[in-house]
């Protein structure tokens, strides 16, 4: 699965230029103009790394970085800024960024730094989504791929074969809309495929399994006329 970068920058031209280049380099990208949009994107999608501009209206990049680290958020962050002063470089690193790059820069250098950060943090997917060693964490749930068990706050949740397969397919592609046809083609017992007409009923059953009582968040959301999408959240977000 492609790694996903969230670009937070109030300059739409700069955001789009970076996004186009990152996608040419094999990344998925998300865009945000400020801290508010960043929060909305991260509530909907898993992000492997943030590219965070310093000079933005409202909350600036240094403040965002400091706040995320104070809250225990370990998502990798690369700060970019128009200011090349050494004091800003020091501040960026002291506030918890993983790297710092001054504008103007060659996007190839930024991609090289991003790849270096991601290599240093092999478990970066744990920071916001919780995938590690065949386990996927979202909210109070842990889906164990090897043992085919769903846990809620450490307690096993009974799932049928088809329910587990549906949940696995959706959770491994967070933010991606899958049609009923696509889901039906991927869920099978032996050589037997599930009838796509039964997907809605199957989704309804899985949704009931994911009602833990501590959050009103609906993980599996309907996309009218198309199918379904998994919207994951972290443990900390379930408490807010």
Protein backbone atom coordinates (compact mmCIF):
# COMPACT_ATOMS: atom_id res chain seq x y z
CA UNK A 1 0.00 0.00 0.00
CA UNK A 2 1.31 3.46 -0.92
CA UNK A 3 2.51 5.70 1.87
CA UNK A 4 0.37 8.81 2.33
CA UNK A 5 1.70 12.32 2.92
CA UNK A 6 -0.42 15.17 4.25
CA UNK A 7 0.78 18.59 3.03
CA UNK A 8 -0.23 21.49 5.30
CA UNK A 9 0.44 24.83 3.58
CA UNK A 10 -1.75 27.90 3.06
CA UNK A 11 -0.20 28.50 -0.39
CA UNK A 12 -2.45 26.47 -2.72
CA UNK A 13 0.02 26.70 -5.62
CA UNK A 14 2.85 25.32 -3.50
CA UNK A 15 0.59 22.59 -2.06
CA UNK A 16 -0.46 21.42 -5.51
CA UNK A 17 3.06 21.48 -6.93
CA UNK A 18 4.31 19.32 -4.07
CA UNK A 19 1.34 16.97 -4.33
CA UNK A 20 1.90 16.44 -8.05
CA UNK A 21 5.59 15.71 -7.52
CA UNK A 22 4.99 13.38 -4.56
CA UNK A 23 2.45 11.40 -6.57
CA UNK A 24 4.98 11.05 -9.41
CA UNK A 25 7.32 9.56 -6.80
CA UNK A 26 4.77 6.96 -5.76
CA UNK A 27 3.13 8.57 -2.72
CA UNK A 28 -0.55 9.22 -2.02
CA UNK A 29 -1.19 12.81 -0.96
CA UNK A 30 -3.70 14.79 1.07
CA UNK A 31 -3.90 18.59 1.26
CA UNK A 32 -4.75 21.05 4.03
CA UNK A 33 -4.54 24.84 4.18
CA UNK A 34 -4.35 25.14 7.97
CA UNK A 35 -4.54 23.30 11.30
CA UNK A 36 -8.31 22.94 11.09
CA UNK A 37 -8.21 21.22 7.71
CA UNK A 38 -5.28 19.11 8.88
CA UNK A 39 -7.34 17.81 11.80
CA UNK A 40 -10.28 16.95 9.50
CA UNK A 41 -8.04 15.08 7.08
CA UNK A 42 -6.38 13.09 9.85
CA UNK A 43 -9.74 12.17 11.36
CA UNK A 44 -10.77 10.67 8.02
CA UNK A 45 -7.51 9.21 6.68
CA UNK A 46 -4.37 7.53 7.91
CA UNK A 47 -1.26 9.64 7.18
CA UNK A 48 2.30 8.30 7.23
CA UNK A 49 3.99 11.70 7.35
CA UNK A 50 3.18 15.44 7.56
CA UNK A 51 4.89 18.10 5.47
CA UNK A 52 4.22 21.17 7.58
CA UNK A 53 4.74 24.78 6.49
CA UNK A 54 5.67 27.23 9.25
CA UNK A 55 4.16 30.51 8.05
CA UNK A 56 0.39 30.04 8.03
CA UNK A 57 -2.52 32.16 9.28
CA UNK A 58 -3.98 31.07 12.58
CA UNK A 59 -1.83 28.39 14.20
CA UNK A 60 1.65 28.31 12.69
CA UNK A 61 3.67 25.21 11.90
CA UNK A 62 5.89 25.40 14.98
CA UNK A 63 2.84 25.59 17.24
CA UNK A 64 1.15 22.68 15.46
CA UNK A 65 4.27 20.53 15.77
CA UNK A 66 4.72 21.38 19.45
CA UNK A 67 1.04 20.68 20.20
CA UNK A 68 1.06 17.31 18.43
CA UNK A 69 4.17 16.16 20.26
CA UNK A 70 2.81 17.35 23.62
CA UNK A 71 -0.28 15.22 22.98
CA UNK A 72 1.90 12.15 22.34
CA UNK A 73 1.29 12.14 18.58
CA UNK A 74 4.34 10.52 16.96
CA UNK A 75 3.42 10.99 13.30
CA UNK A 76 6.62 11.88 11.38
CA UNK A 77 6.85 15.61 10.57
CA UNK A 78 9.05 17.45 8.09
CA UNK A 79 8.87 21.23 8.55
CA UNK A 80 9.40 23.59 5.61
CA UNK A 81 9.77 27.37 5.90
CA UNK A 82 10.86 30.43 3.97
CA UNK A 83 13.09 31.40 6.89
CA UNK A 84 16.60 30.00 6.73
CA UNK A 85 17.65 31.33 10.14
CA UNK A 86 19.55 28.82 12.28
CA UNK A 87 17.31 29.62 15.27
CA UNK A 88 14.26 28.43 13.32
CA UNK A 89 16.00 25.19 12.41
CA UNK A 90 16.77 24.63 16.09
CA UNK A 91 13.19 25.47 17.11
CA UNK A 92 11.75 23.09 14.56
CA UNK A 93 13.85 20.21 15.85
CA UNK A 94 13.31 21.13 19.50
CA UNK A 95 9.55 21.15 18.99
CA UNK A 96 9.77 17.59 17.72
CA UNK A 97 9.98 17.70 13.94
CA UNK A 98 11.91 14.86 12.31
CA UNK A 99 13.55 17.11 9.73
CA UNK A 100 13.60 20.74 8.59
CA UNK A 101 14.04 22.26 5.12
CA UNK A 102 14.24 25.92 4.14
CA UNK A 103 12.64 27.34 0.98
CA UNK A 104 13.43 27.52 -1.84
CA UNK A 105 14.33 23.86 -2.19
CA UNK A 106 14.48 21.23 -4.88
CA UNK A 107 11.51 18.86 -4.42
CA UNK A 108 13.91 15.99 -5.02
CA UNK A 109 15.71 16.94 -1.82
CA UNK A 110 12.43 17.06 0.09
CA UNK A 111 11.48 13.58 -1.17
CA UNK A 112 14.95 12.29 -0.21
CA UNK A 113 14.49 13.69 3.31
CA UNK A 114 10.99 12.22 3.56
CA UNK A 115 12.27 8.79 2.54
CA UNK A 116 15.10 9.09 5.07
CA UNK A 117 12.62 9.93 7.84
CA UNK A 118 10.34 7.03 6.90
CA UNK A 119 13.29 4.62 6.86
CA UNK A 120 14.28 5.75 10.36
CA UNK A 121 10.77 5.10 11.61
CA UNK A 122 9.86 1.58 10.41
CA UNK A 123 6.80 1.50 12.65
CA UNK A 124 5.47 4.89 11.50
CA UNK A 125 2.16 3.29 10.58
CA UNK A 126 1.61 2.70 14.29
CA UNK A 127 1.65 6.41 15.02
CA UNK A 128 -1.78 7.23 13.70
CA UNK A 129 -3.37 4.02 12.60
CA UNK A 130 -1.82 1.11 14.47
CA UNK A 131 -0.64 -1.43 11.90
CA UNK A 132 2.19 -3.65 13.10
CA UNK A 133 3.11 -7.34 12.88
CA UNK A 134 -0.17 -8.31 11.26
CA UNK A 135 -2.29 -6.27 13.67
CA UNK A 136 -4.38 -3.24 12.79
CA UNK A 137 -5.62 -0.88 15.51
CA UNK A 138 -8.49 1.60 15.18
CA UNK A 139 -10.20 3.21 18.13
CA UNK A 140 -10.61 0.57 20.87
CA UNK A 141 -10.34 -2.26 18.33
CA UNK A 142 -7.44 -4.46 17.24
CA UNK A 143 -7.84 -6.67 14.17
CA UNK A 144 -5.33 -9.53 14.25
CA UNK A 145 -4.77 -10.82 10.72
CA UNK A 146 -2.87 -13.98 11.64
CA UNK A 147 -5.27 -15.26 14.31
CA UNK A 148 -8.33 -13.76 12.55
CA UNK A 149 -9.59 -12.24 15.79
CA UNK A 150 -11.16 -8.85 16.47
CA UNK A 151 -10.57 -7.44 19.95
CA UNK A 152 -12.42 -4.53 21.56
CA UNK A 153 -10.60 -3.20 24.63
CA UNK A 154 -8.90 -6.58 24.87
CA UNK A 155 -12.12 -8.62 24.63
CA UNK A 156 -12.76 -10.88 21.64
CA UNK A 157 -15.61 -9.94 19.29
CA UNK A 158 -17.18 -12.85 17.43
CA UNK A 159 -16.95 -12.54 13.64
CA UNK A 160 -18.03 -14.95 10.93
CA UNK A 161 -15.64 -15.74 8.06
CA UNK A 162 -17.36 -13.26 5.74
CA UNK A 163 -17.53 -10.55 8.42
CA UNK A 164 -13.81 -10.86 9.11
CA UNK A 165 -12.96 -10.77 5.39
CA UNK A 166 -15.07 -7.67 4.82
CA UNK A 167 -13.54 -5.84 7.78
CA UNK A 168 -10.01 -6.84 6.74
CA UNK A 169 -10.49 -5.61 3.16
CA UNK A 170 -11.93 -2.27 4.26
CA UNK A 171 -9.44 -1.58 7.07
CA UNK A 172 -6.46 -2.30 4.83
CA UNK A 173 -7.66 0.37 2.39
CA UNK A 174 -8.70 3.27 4.68
CA UNK A 175 -10.23 6.20 2.84
CA UNK A 176 -10.63 4.21 -0.40
CA UNK A 177 -14.19 3.74 -1.71
CA UNK A 178 -14.88 0.13 -2.66
CA UNK A 179 -17.89 -0.89 -4.71
CA UNK A 180 -20.13 -3.80 -3.74
CA UNK A 181 -18.76 -5.66 -6.76
CA UNK A 182 -15.16 -5.15 -5.60
CA UNK A 183 -15.98 -6.32 -2.08
CA UNK A 184 -17.89 -9.36 -3.29
CA UNK A 185 -15.02 -10.40 -5.58
CA UNK A 186 -12.53 -10.31 -2.70
CA UNK A 187 -14.62 -12.20 -0.13
CA UNK A 188 -14.62 -15.92 -0.76
CA UNK A 189 -14.64 -19.28 1.02
CA UNK A 190 -12.61 -21.65 -1.09
CA UNK A 191 -13.76 -20.96 -4.65
CA UNK A 192 -17.14 -19.59 -3.60
CA UNK A 193 -17.67 -15.84 -3.96
CA UNK A 194 -20.23 -13.97 -1.91
CA UNK A 195 -23.19 -12.58 -3.87
CA UNK A 196 -22.75 -8.80 -4.12
CA UNK A 197 -26.45 -8.41 -3.32
CA UNK A 198 -25.59 -9.62 0.20
CA UNK A 199 -22.89 -6.99 0.79
CA UNK A 200 -25.31 -4.47 2.36
CA UNK A 201 -26.51 -7.06 4.87
CA UNK A 202 -22.94 -8.07 5.64
CA UNK A 203 -21.90 -4.44 6.21
CA UNK A 204 -24.86 -3.99 8.55
CA UNK A 205 -23.75 -6.98 10.64
CA UNK A 206 -20.15 -5.75 10.85
CA UNK A 207 -21.28 -2.27 11.88
CA UNK A 208 -23.14 -3.82 14.80
CA UNK A 209 -19.96 -5.65 15.85
CA UNK A 210 -18.13 -2.30 15.89
CA UNK A 211 -20.59 -0.61 18.25
CA UNK A 212 -18.44 -0.55 21.39
CA UNK A 213 -20.47 2.05 23.27
CA UNK A 214 -17.56 4.46 23.81
CA UNK A 215 -17.82 6.32 20.50
CA UNK A 216 -20.51 7.30 18.02
CA UNK A 217 -17.99 7.09 15.18
CA UNK A 218 -19.19 4.99 12.24
CA UNK A 219 -16.12 3.27 10.84
CA UNK A 220 -17.79 1.90 7.71
CA UNK A 221 -19.55 4.68 5.84
CA UNK A 222 -21.86 4.42 2.85
CA UNK A 223 -21.09 6.22 -0.40
CA UNK A 224 -24.39 6.66 -2.20
CA UNK A 225 -24.61 4.77 -5.47
CA UNK A 226 -21.07 3.38 -5.18
CA UNK A 227 -20.29 1.29 -2.11
CA UNK A 228 -18.46 1.69 1.19
CA UNK A 229 -15.38 3.31 2.71
CA UNK A 230 -13.56 2.69 5.99
CA UNK A 231 -12.87 5.81 8.06
CA UNK A 232 -10.56 4.95 10.93
CA UNK A 233 -9.75 6.97 14.06
CA UNK A 234 -7.09 6.59 16.74
CA UNK A 235 -7.64 5.64 20.38
CA UNK A 236 -7.12 9.24 21.53
CA UNK A 237 -9.78 10.49 19.10
CA UNK A 238 -12.38 8.11 20.52
CA UNK A 239 -12.12 9.97 23.85
CA UNK A 240 -12.78 13.42 22.44
